[in-house]
Amino acid sequence: MHQKTKILLWLDDMRNPFLGEWLPLYAPDFINGDHVVWVKDYSEFCSWVSENGLPYKIAFDHDLGDGPTGYDAAKFVVEYCMDNDQELPCYTIQSSNPVGKANINGLFASYIKNK
């Protein structure tokens, strides 16, 4: 059976996953930077998922400039999972917004509990 490449989808408008300690801190399984896709806003995120399907892991930032937030992207993931009968991918949250981070975690916890 052919195994799909594990991809990390990094959603963040500011933090470059390829610089500094971001990958070691939030996605150590992708520390070498291979198979990391960096998208910077909600639109890019939704387009990538719509074209490629869910990745193995998603790293969420909450505040994405003036547009929709990482929470909106998380809601998109939940809807995608429900519509396509798929499991929630692994995820991490590198946001410095504690309320936004808690909201994303709460959304996923609620989805998992009620699935």
N, C-alpha and C. Protein backbone atom coordinates (compact mmCIF):
# COMPACT_ATOMS: atom_id res chain seq x y z
N MET A 1 0.85 -1.18 0.00
CA MET A 1 0.00 0.00 0.00
C MET A 1 0.89 1.24 0.00
N HIS A 2 0.58 2.19 -0.86
CA HIS A 2 1.36 3.42 -0.96
C HIS A 2 1.00 4.36 0.19
N GLN A 3 2.01 4.81 0.93
CA GLN A 3 1.76 5.71 2.06
C GLN A 3 1.88 7.16 1.58
N LYS A 4 0.90 7.96 1.91
CA LYS A 4 0.88 9.37 1.55
C LYS A 4 1.96 10.12 2.34
N THR A 5 2.63 11.05 1.68
CA THR A 5 3.64 11.86 2.34
C THR A 5 3.02 12.68 3.46
N LYS A 6 3.66 12.67 4.60
CA LYS A 6 3.19 13.47 5.73
C LYS A 6 3.55 14.93 5.49
N ILE A 7 2.53 15.77 5.50
CA ILE A 7 2.72 17.20 5.26
C ILE A 7 2.26 17.99 6.47
N LEU A 8 3.03 19.03 6.79
CA LEU A 8 2.64 20.00 7.80
C LEU A 8 2.15 21.24 7.06
N LEU A 9 0.93 21.64 7.31
CA LEU A 9 0.39 22.87 6.75
C LEU A 9 0.51 23.93 7.83
N TRP A 10 1.37 24.91 7.61
CA TRP A 10 1.70 25.94 8.60
C TRP A 10 0.92 27.19 8.25
N LEU A 11 -0.08 27.54 9.05
CA LEU A 11 -0.92 28.72 8.82
C LEU A 11 -0.45 29.83 9.75
N ASP A 12 0.17 30.85 9.17
CA ASP A 12 0.69 31.96 9.98
C ASP A 12 1.07 33.10 9.04
N ASP A 13 0.60 34.30 9.36
CA ASP A 13 0.91 35.44 8.50
C ASP A 13 2.27 36.05 8.81
N MET A 14 2.87 35.74 9.95
CA MET A 14 4.11 36.38 10.34
C MET A 14 5.26 35.40 10.61
N ARG A 15 5.00 34.33 11.30
CA ARG A 15 6.07 33.42 11.71
C ARG A 15 6.48 32.52 10.56
N ASN A 16 7.71 32.69 10.10
CA ASN A 16 8.26 31.86 9.04
C ASN A 16 8.70 30.53 9.66
N PRO A 17 8.07 29.43 9.26
CA PRO A 17 8.41 28.15 9.89
C PRO A 17 9.84 27.70 9.61
N PHE A 18 10.45 28.25 8.56
CA PHE A 18 11.79 27.82 8.16
C PHE A 18 12.90 28.60 8.86
N LEU A 19 12.53 29.61 9.66
CA LEU A 19 13.51 30.42 10.38
C LEU A 19 13.29 30.26 11.88
N GLY A 20 14.36 30.28 12.62
CA GLY A 20 14.25 30.25 14.07
C GLY A 20 13.83 28.90 14.62
N GLU A 21 13.17 28.93 15.75
CA GLU A 21 12.83 27.73 16.51
C GLU A 21 11.38 27.29 16.35
N TRP A 22 10.67 27.81 15.37
CA TRP A 22 9.25 27.50 15.25
C TRP A 22 8.98 26.02 15.04
N LEU A 23 9.67 25.40 14.10
CA LEU A 23 9.44 23.97 13.86
C LEU A 23 9.87 23.11 15.06
N PRO A 24 11.05 23.34 15.64
CA PRO A 24 11.41 22.53 16.81
C PRO A 24 10.40 22.66 17.96
N LEU A 25 9.84 23.85 18.14
CA LEU A 25 8.90 24.06 19.24
C LEU A 25 7.51 23.48 18.97
N TYR A 26 7.03 23.65 17.74
CA TYR A 26 5.63 23.31 17.47
C TYR A 26 5.43 22.11 16.55
N ALA A 27 6.45 21.71 15.84
CA ALA A 27 6.32 20.56 14.94
C ALA A 27 7.66 19.85 14.81
N PRO A 28 8.17 19.30 15.93
CA PRO A 28 9.50 18.70 15.90
C PRO A 28 9.63 17.53 14.92
N ASP A 29 8.51 16.92 14.56
CA ASP A 29 8.56 15.83 13.58
C ASP A 29 8.83 16.36 12.17
N PHE A 30 8.83 17.68 11.98
CA PHE A 30 9.12 18.31 10.69
C PHE A 30 10.33 19.24 10.81
N ILE A 31 11.22 18.95 11.75
CA ILE A 31 12.31 19.86 12.10
C ILE A 31 13.23 20.19 10.91
N ASN A 32 13.37 19.28 9.97
CA ASN A 32 14.25 19.56 8.84
C ASN A 32 13.58 20.42 7.77
N GLY A 33 12.31 20.73 7.94
CA GLY A 33 11.61 21.61 7.00
C GLY A 33 11.07 20.92 5.77
N ASP A 34 11.36 19.63 5.62
CA ASP A 34 10.81 18.89 4.48
C ASP A 34 9.31 18.72 4.66
N HIS A 35 8.60 18.84 3.59
CA HIS A 35 7.15 18.62 3.57
C HIS A 35 6.38 19.60 4.44
N VAL A 36 6.89 20.83 4.52
CA VAL A 36 6.20 21.90 5.22
C VAL A 36 5.67 22.88 4.17
N VAL A 37 4.38 23.16 4.24
CA VAL A 37 3.75 24.12 3.33
C VAL A 37 3.30 25.31 4.17
N TRP A 38 3.78 26.50 3.81
CA TRP A 38 3.45 27.71 4.56
C TRP A 38 2.38 28.50 3.82
N VAL A 39 1.22 28.67 4.46
CA VAL A 39 0.16 29.53 3.93
C VAL A 39 -0.05 30.66 4.94
N LYS A 40 -0.36 31.85 4.43
CA LYS A 40 -0.35 33.02 5.29
C LYS A 40 -1.71 33.60 5.61
N ASP A 41 -2.77 33.08 5.00
CA ASP A 41 -4.10 33.60 5.32
C ASP A 41 -5.17 32.53 5.11
N TYR A 42 -6.37 32.86 5.51
CA TYR A 42 -7.51 31.94 5.46
C TYR A 42 -7.78 31.46 4.04
N SER A 43 -7.74 32.38 3.09
CA SER A 43 -8.02 32.03 1.70
C SER A 43 -7.02 31.01 1.16
N GLU A 44 -5.74 31.27 1.39
CA GLU A 44 -4.69 30.33 0.96
C GLU A 44 -4.87 28.98 1.63
N PHE A 45 -5.21 29.00 2.91
CA PHE A 45 -5.42 27.79 3.68
C PHE A 45 -6.54 26.95 3.07
N CYS A 46 -7.69 27.58 2.89
CA CYS A 46 -8.86 26.86 2.35
C CYS A 46 -8.59 26.34 0.95
N SER A 47 -7.92 27.13 0.14
CA SER A 47 -7.58 26.70 -1.22
C SER A 47 -6.68 25.48 -1.19
N TRP A 48 -5.66 25.51 -0.32
CA TRP A 48 -4.73 24.38 -0.26
C TRP A 48 -5.46 23.11 0.17
N VAL A 49 -6.27 23.20 1.21
CA VAL A 49 -7.00 22.02 1.69
C VAL A 49 -7.98 21.53 0.63
N SER A 50 -8.68 22.44 -0.02
CA SER A 50 -9.65 22.05 -1.05
C SER A 50 -8.97 21.33 -2.21
N GLU A 51 -7.76 21.76 -2.56
CA GLU A 51 -7.04 21.16 -3.69
C GLU A 51 -6.30 19.89 -3.31
N ASN A 52 -5.83 19.79 -2.07
CA ASN A 52 -4.94 18.70 -1.68
C ASN A 52 -5.50 17.75 -0.63
N GLY A 53 -6.60 18.13 -0.01
CA GLY A 53 -7.13 17.33 1.09
C GLY A 53 -6.44 17.73 2.38
N LEU A 54 -6.82 17.09 3.47
CA LEU A 54 -6.24 17.42 4.76
C LEU A 54 -4.80 16.93 4.85
N PRO A 55 -3.93 17.74 5.41
CA PRO A 55 -2.55 17.29 5.62
C PRO A 55 -2.47 16.39 6.85
N TYR A 56 -1.30 15.85 7.09
CA TYR A 56 -1.07 15.05 8.29
C TYR A 56 -1.20 15.90 9.55
N LYS A 57 -0.66 17.14 9.49
CA LYS A 57 -0.66 18.01 10.66
C LYS A 57 -0.86 19.45 10.22
N ILE A 58 -1.54 20.24 11.06
CA ILE A 58 -1.75 21.66 10.80
C ILE A 58 -1.24 22.44 12.00
N ALA A 59 -0.50 23.51 11.72
CA ALA A 59 -0.04 24.43 12.76
C ALA A 59 -0.83 25.73 12.58
N PHE A 60 -1.61 26.08 13.59
CA PHE A 60 -2.51 27.23 13.51
C PHE A 60 -1.96 28.45 14.23
N ASP A 61 -1.99 29.59 13.55
CA ASP A 61 -1.90 30.88 14.21
C ASP A 61 -3.35 31.36 14.30
N HIS A 62 -3.66 32.20 15.26
CA HIS A 62 -5.03 32.71 15.36
C HIS A 62 -5.20 34.02 14.61
N ASP A 63 -4.38 35.01 14.91
CA ASP A 63 -4.52 36.34 14.31
C ASP A 63 -3.81 36.40 12.97
N LEU A 64 -4.59 36.54 11.91
CA LEU A 64 -4.04 36.52 10.55
C LEU A 64 -4.26 37.86 9.85
N GLY A 65 -3.85 38.94 10.47
CA GLY A 65 -4.04 40.25 9.87
C GLY A 65 -5.49 40.68 9.96
N ASP A 66 -5.99 41.33 8.92
CA ASP A 66 -7.33 41.91 8.94
C ASP A 66 -8.43 40.94 8.51
N GLY A 67 -8.07 39.79 7.98
CA GLY A 67 -9.07 38.87 7.45
C GLY A 67 -9.56 37.88 8.48
N PRO A 68 -10.17 36.80 7.99
CA PRO A 68 -10.61 35.73 8.89
C PRO A 68 -9.44 35.18 9.70
N THR A 69 -9.75 34.58 10.82
CA THR A 69 -8.73 34.12 11.77
C THR A 69 -8.41 32.63 11.62
N GLY A 70 -7.45 32.21 12.43
CA GLY A 70 -7.14 30.79 12.50
C GLY A 70 -8.31 29.99 13.05
N TYR A 71 -9.15 30.62 13.88
CA TYR A 71 -10.36 29.95 14.36
C TYR A 71 -11.29 29.65 13.19
N ASP A 72 -11.39 30.60 12.26
CA ASP A 72 -12.20 30.37 11.05
C ASP A 72 -11.63 29.21 10.24
N ALA A 73 -10.31 29.13 10.17
CA ALA A 73 -9.67 28.02 9.46
C ALA A 73 -9.95 26.70 10.17
N ALA A 74 -9.94 26.73 11.50
CA ALA A 74 -10.26 25.52 12.27
C ALA A 74 -11.70 25.08 12.02
N LYS A 75 -12.63 26.04 11.95
CA LYS A 75 -14.02 25.70 11.63
C LYS A 75 -14.11 25.08 10.23
N PHE A 76 -13.34 25.61 9.29
CA PHE A 76 -13.30 25.05 7.94
C PHE A 76 -12.84 23.58 7.99
N VAL A 77 -11.83 23.30 8.82
CA VAL A 77 -11.33 21.93 8.95
C VAL A 77 -12.41 21.01 9.52
N VAL A 78 -13.11 21.46 10.54
CA VAL A 78 -14.18 20.65 11.12
C VAL A 78 -15.26 20.37 10.08
N GLU A 79 -15.67 21.38 9.35
CA GLU A 79 -16.68 21.19 8.30
C GLU A 79 -16.17 20.24 7.22
N TYR A 80 -14.91 20.38 6.86
CA TYR A 80 -14.31 19.50 5.85
C TYR A 80 -14.34 18.05 6.34
N CYS A 81 -13.98 17.85 7.59
CA CYS A 81 -14.00 16.49 8.16
C CYS A 81 -15.40 15.90 8.14
N MET A 82 -16.39 16.71 8.53
CA MET A 82 -17.78 16.22 8.55
C MET A 82 -18.27 15.93 7.13
N ASP A 83 -18.00 16.83 6.20
CA ASP A 83 -18.47 16.67 4.82
C ASP A 83 -17.81 15.51 4.10
N ASN A 84 -16.58 15.18 4.47
CA ASN A 84 -15.82 14.15 3.77
C ASN A 84 -15.56 12.91 4.61
N ASP A 85 -16.24 12.81 5.75
CA ASP A 85 -16.10 11.67 6.65
C ASP A 85 -14.63 11.33 6.91
N GLN A 86 -13.90 12.34 7.38
CA GLN A 86 -12.48 12.16 7.66
C GLN A 86 -12.19 12.48 9.12
N GLU A 87 -11.09 11.93 9.61
CA GLU A 87 -10.63 12.21 10.96
C GLU A 87 -9.96 13.57 11.00
N LEU A 88 -10.03 14.20 12.14
CA LEU A 88 -9.33 15.45 12.37
C LEU A 88 -7.83 15.19 12.29
N PRO A 89 -7.08 16.01 11.54
CA PRO A 89 -5.64 15.79 11.48
C PRO A 89 -4.97 16.19 12.79
N CYS A 90 -3.73 15.79 12.96
CA CYS A 90 -2.94 16.26 14.10
C CYS A 90 -2.85 17.78 13.98
N TYR A 91 -2.73 18.46 15.10
CA TYR A 91 -2.61 19.91 15.03
C TYR A 91 -1.82 20.45 16.20
N THR A 92 -1.34 21.65 16.02
CA THR A 92 -0.66 22.41 17.05
C THR A 92 -1.07 23.87 16.87
N ILE A 93 -0.86 24.67 17.88
CA ILE A 93 -1.26 26.08 17.80
C ILE A 93 -0.10 26.94 18.28
N GLN A 94 0.47 27.73 17.39
CA GLN A 94 1.60 28.57 17.74
C GLN A 94 1.20 30.02 17.98
N SER A 95 -0.06 30.28 18.11
CA SER A 95 -0.56 31.64 18.31
C SER A 95 -0.13 32.20 19.66
N SER A 96 0.16 33.50 19.66
CA SER A 96 0.47 34.17 20.93
C SER A 96 -0.79 34.76 21.56
N ASN A 97 -1.94 34.53 20.93
CA ASN A 97 -3.22 35.01 21.44
C ASN A 97 -3.83 33.88 22.30
N PRO A 98 -3.79 34.02 23.63
CA PRO A 98 -4.26 32.92 24.48
C PRO A 98 -5.75 32.63 24.33
N VAL A 99 -6.57 33.64 24.11
CA VAL A 99 -8.01 33.43 23.93
C VAL A 99 -8.26 32.72 22.60
N GLY A 100 -7.58 33.17 21.55
CA GLY A 100 -7.73 32.53 20.25
C GLY A 100 -7.29 31.08 20.28
N LYS A 101 -6.16 30.83 20.97
CA LYS A 101 -5.66 29.46 21.11
C LYS A 101 -6.67 28.59 21.85
N ALA A 102 -7.23 29.11 22.93
CA ALA A 102 -8.23 28.36 23.69
C ALA A 102 -9.48 28.09 22.86
N ASN A 103 -9.87 29.04 22.04
CA ASN A 103 -11.05 28.85 21.19
C ASN A 103 -10.83 27.74 20.16
N ILE A 104 -9.65 27.70 19.55
CA ILE A 104 -9.35 26.64 18.58
C ILE A 104 -9.32 25.29 19.29
N ASN A 105 -8.64 25.22 20.42
CA ASN A 105 -8.61 23.97 21.19
C ASN A 105 -10.00 23.52 21.60
N GLY A 106 -10.83 24.48 22.04
CA GLY A 106 -12.20 24.16 22.45
C GLY A 106 -13.04 23.64 21.30
N LEU A 107 -12.89 24.25 20.13
CA LEU A 107 -13.63 23.80 18.95
C LEU A 107 -13.29 22.35 18.62
N PHE A 108 -11.99 22.04 18.59
CA PHE A 108 -11.57 20.68 18.25
C PHE A 108 -11.98 19.68 19.34
N ALA A 109 -11.86 20.07 20.60
CA ALA A 109 -12.27 19.18 21.69
C ALA A 109 -13.76 18.87 21.61
N SER A 110 -14.55 19.87 21.32
CA SER A 110 -16.00 19.69 21.19
C SER A 110 -16.32 18.77 20.00
N TYR A 111 -15.63 19.00 18.89
CA TYR A 111 -15.87 18.15 17.70
C TYR A 111 -15.53 16.69 18.01
N ILE A 112 -14.38 16.47 18.64
CA ILE A 112 -13.95 15.11 18.95
C ILE A 112 -14.94 14.44 19.91
N LYS A 113 -15.38 15.19 20.93
CA LYS A 113 -16.31 14.66 21.92
C LYS A 113 -17.66 14.29 21.30
N ASN A 114 -18.12 15.10 20.37
CA ASN A 114 -19.46 14.91 19.80
C ASN A 114 -19.48 14.12 18.49
N LYS A 115 -18.34 13.69 18.04
CA LYS A 115 -18.26 12.97 16.76
C LYS A 115 -18.91 11.61 16.87
